[in-house]
N, C-alpha and C. Protein backbone atom coordinates (compact mmCIF):
# COMPACT_ATOMS: atom_id res chain seq x y z
N MET A 1 107.69 123.65 108.31
CA MET A 1 108.23 122.78 107.74
C MET A 1 109.01 121.67 107.64
N PHE A 2 107.96 121.05 107.23
CA PHE A 2 109.31 119.64 107.09
C PHE A 2 109.84 119.40 105.75
N GLU A 3 111.11 119.22 104.92
CA GLU A 3 111.35 118.70 103.89
C GLU A 3 112.10 117.36 103.55
N LYS A 4 111.62 116.52 102.82
CA LYS A 4 112.33 115.44 102.66
C LYS A 4 112.70 114.56 101.64
N THR A 5 113.73 114.25 101.03
CA THR A 5 114.00 113.79 99.45
C THR A 5 113.96 112.16 99.65
N TYR A 6 112.89 111.91 98.64
CA TYR A 6 113.04 110.11 98.59
C TYR A 6 113.31 109.54 97.75
N THR A 7 113.62 109.18 97.01
CA THR A 7 114.55 108.44 95.70
C THR A 7 113.31 107.09 94.86
N VAL A 8 112.81 107.47 93.40
CA VAL A 8 111.87 106.36 93.20
C VAL A 8 112.19 106.06 91.74
N THR A 9 112.30 105.02 91.94
CA THR A 9 112.72 104.45 90.64
C THR A 9 111.64 103.76 89.44
N GLY A 10 111.22 103.68 88.08
CA GLY A 10 110.56 103.90 87.53
C GLY A 10 110.46 104.47 86.29
N MET A 11 111.06 106.09 86.94
CA MET A 11 110.47 106.69 86.59
C MET A 11 110.59 107.47 85.08
N THR A 12 110.50 107.33 83.58
CA THR A 12 111.29 107.32 82.39
C THR A 12 110.85 108.52 81.35
N CYS A 13 109.59 109.56 82.30
CA CYS A 13 109.71 110.84 81.55
C CYS A 13 108.47 111.39 81.92
N GLN A 14 108.13 112.83 81.25
CA GLN A 14 107.48 113.89 82.22
C GLN A 14 106.42 113.05 82.36
N HIS A 15 105.31 112.01 81.63
CA HIS A 15 104.15 112.28 82.52
C HIS A 15 104.73 111.00 83.94
N CYS A 16 105.51 110.30 83.71
CA CYS A 16 105.62 109.69 85.58
C CYS A 16 106.10 111.23 86.41
N VAL A 17 106.62 112.03 86.32
CA VAL A 17 106.89 113.43 86.85
C VAL A 17 105.60 113.63 87.55
N ALA A 18 104.53 113.86 86.17
CA ALA A 18 103.47 114.37 86.57
C ALA A 18 102.55 113.54 87.55
N SER A 19 102.49 111.80 87.09
CA SER A 19 101.58 110.79 87.90
C SER A 19 102.60 111.18 89.50
N VAL A 20 103.90 111.42 89.81
CA VAL A 20 104.26 111.31 91.10
C VAL A 20 103.76 112.26 91.93
N THR A 21 103.82 113.31 91.21
CA THR A 21 103.61 114.66 92.07
C THR A 21 102.19 115.02 91.81
N GLU A 22 100.71 114.15 91.09
CA GLU A 22 100.62 114.53 91.85
C GLU A 22 99.63 113.50 92.29
N GLU A 23 99.99 112.24 92.96
CA GLU A 23 99.68 111.84 93.91
C GLU A 23 100.46 111.63 95.44
N VAL A 24 101.72 112.77 95.40
CA VAL A 24 102.30 112.69 96.11
C VAL A 24 101.91 113.92 96.70
N GLY A 25 101.37 114.87 95.75
CA GLY A 25 100.45 116.16 96.10
C GLY A 25 99.77 116.18 96.77
N GLU A 26 98.18 114.90 96.90
CA GLU A 26 97.41 114.46 97.70
C GLU A 26 97.69 114.58 98.55
N LEU A 27 98.67 114.09 99.43
CA LEU A 27 98.25 113.46 100.77
C LEU A 27 98.51 114.75 101.49
N ASP A 28 97.60 114.45 102.75
CA ASP A 28 96.90 115.62 103.85
C ASP A 28 98.71 116.10 104.23
N GLY A 29 98.60 117.77 103.66
CA GLY A 29 99.48 118.56 104.54
C GLY A 29 100.71 118.75 103.68
N VAL A 30 101.50 118.20 102.02
CA VAL A 30 102.36 118.70 101.24
C VAL A 30 101.87 120.17 101.08
N GLN A 31 103.12 120.53 101.23
CA GLN A 31 102.45 121.85 100.11
C GLN A 31 103.14 121.49 99.19
N SER A 32 104.91 121.11 98.70
CA SER A 32 104.18 121.31 97.33
C SER A 32 105.74 119.88 97.10
N VAL A 33 105.93 119.28 95.92
CA VAL A 33 106.37 118.35 95.30
C VAL A 33 107.30 117.83 94.65
N ASN A 34 108.60 118.23 94.25
CA ASN A 34 109.40 118.47 93.51
C ASN A 34 110.38 117.20 93.21
N VAL A 35 110.30 116.93 91.25
CA VAL A 35 110.68 115.52 90.96
C VAL A 35 111.60 116.31 89.87
N ASP A 36 113.33 115.39 90.74
CA ASP A 36 113.92 115.20 88.92
C ASP A 36 114.29 114.15 88.89
N LEU A 37 113.54 113.87 87.58
CA LEU A 37 113.57 113.03 86.45
C LEU A 37 114.66 112.05 87.00
N ASP A 38 116.14 113.21 86.29
CA ASP A 38 117.53 112.50 85.98
C ASP A 38 117.60 111.60 86.66
N THR A 39 117.86 111.95 88.47
CA THR A 39 117.82 111.46 89.69
C THR A 39 117.56 110.08 90.17
N GLY A 40 116.25 110.51 90.13
CA GLY A 40 114.68 109.79 90.37
C GLY A 40 114.64 110.52 91.87
N ALA A 41 115.23 111.26 92.00
CA ALA A 41 114.62 112.27 93.25
C ALA A 41 113.31 113.12 93.70
N VAL A 42 112.96 112.94 94.37
CA VAL A 42 111.40 113.27 95.32
C VAL A 42 111.42 114.09 95.96
N THR A 43 111.26 115.66 96.61
CA THR A 43 110.99 116.36 96.78
C THR A 43 110.34 116.81 97.72
N VAL A 44 109.72 116.44 98.61
CA VAL A 44 108.51 116.86 99.18
C VAL A 44 108.33 117.78 100.45
N THR A 45 107.56 118.62 100.58
CA THR A 45 107.93 119.84 101.28
C THR A 45 106.34 119.76 102.03
N SER A 46 106.14 119.74 103.31
CA SER A 46 105.02 119.50 103.99
C SER A 46 104.48 119.94 105.13
N GLU A 47 103.90 120.43 105.61
CA GLU A 47 103.51 121.12 107.32
C GLU A 47 103.81 120.06 107.88
N ALA A 48 103.65 119.16 108.14
CA ALA A 48 104.94 118.18 109.36
C ALA A 48 104.93 117.05 109.00
N GLU A 49 106.38 116.48 109.57
CA GLU A 49 107.04 115.32 108.44
C GLU A 49 105.29 114.05 108.31
N LEU A 50 106.18 113.64 107.14
CA LEU A 50 104.86 112.57 106.71
C LEU A 50 105.48 111.17 106.98
N ALA A 51 104.20 109.88 107.22
CA ALA A 51 104.84 108.67 107.17
C ALA A 51 105.89 108.44 106.20
N GLU A 52 106.22 107.67 105.53
CA GLU A 52 106.64 107.10 104.75
C GLU A 52 105.90 106.02 104.54
N ASP A 53 105.37 105.62 105.21
CA ASP A 53 104.53 105.00 104.43
C ASP A 53 103.30 104.69 103.50
N ASN A 54 102.82 106.23 103.85
CA ASN A 54 102.27 107.28 103.15
C ASN A 54 102.35 107.72 101.76
N VAL A 55 103.98 108.08 101.67
CA VAL A 55 104.57 108.51 100.84
C VAL A 55 104.47 107.62 100.02
N ARG A 56 105.20 105.67 100.74
CA ARG A 56 105.30 104.71 99.96
C ARG A 56 104.25 104.13 98.80
N SER A 57 102.84 104.27 99.59
CA SER A 57 101.37 104.05 98.65
C SER A 57 101.59 104.68 98.45
N ALA A 58 101.58 106.87 98.29
CA ALA A 58 101.01 107.40 96.71
C ALA A 58 102.28 106.72 95.57
N VAL A 59 103.59 107.04 96.31
CA VAL A 59 104.04 106.34 94.97
C VAL A 59 104.14 104.97 94.51
N GLU A 60 102.89 104.03 94.38
CA GLU A 60 102.96 102.60 94.15
C GLU A 60 101.82 103.23 93.63
N GLU A 61 100.70 103.75 94.25
CA GLU A 61 99.47 104.64 93.58
C GLU A 61 99.78 105.26 92.46
N ALA A 62 101.28 105.36 91.71
CA ALA A 62 101.33 106.20 90.60
C ALA A 62 101.97 105.24 89.58
N GLY A 63 102.71 104.32 90.06
CA GLY A 63 103.15 102.67 89.14
C GLY A 63 104.61 102.78 89.60
N TYR A 64 105.27 103.29 90.57
CA TYR A 64 106.87 103.78 90.51
C TYR A 64 107.05 102.82 91.61
N THR A 65 108.04 102.46 92.19
CA THR A 65 108.94 102.78 93.87
C THR A 65 109.35 103.51 94.45
N LEU A 66 108.98 103.46 95.88
CA LEU A 66 110.51 104.73 96.52
C LEU A 66 111.94 103.19 96.84
N THR A 67 112.22 103.76 96.94
CA THR A 67 113.20 103.25 97.30
C THR A 67 114.01 103.63 98.90
N ALA A 68 114.11 104.90 98.74
CA ALA A 68 114.64 105.72 100.10
C ALA A 68 113.95 106.99 100.19
């Protein structure tokens, strides 16, 4: 199992959290997505290391920006 925390900007409400969780959760191998709205931290647990470009694309599809 791999776990990595990313920082996402632009999220302001629980709908934002749900959108990011849904899009990132659809990536191959993702086991869980935990979003902390207050800090913008998005922790992803997956079967294998994810390509950051894939995570970035999923976050952007949800309408937000991956900053780290």
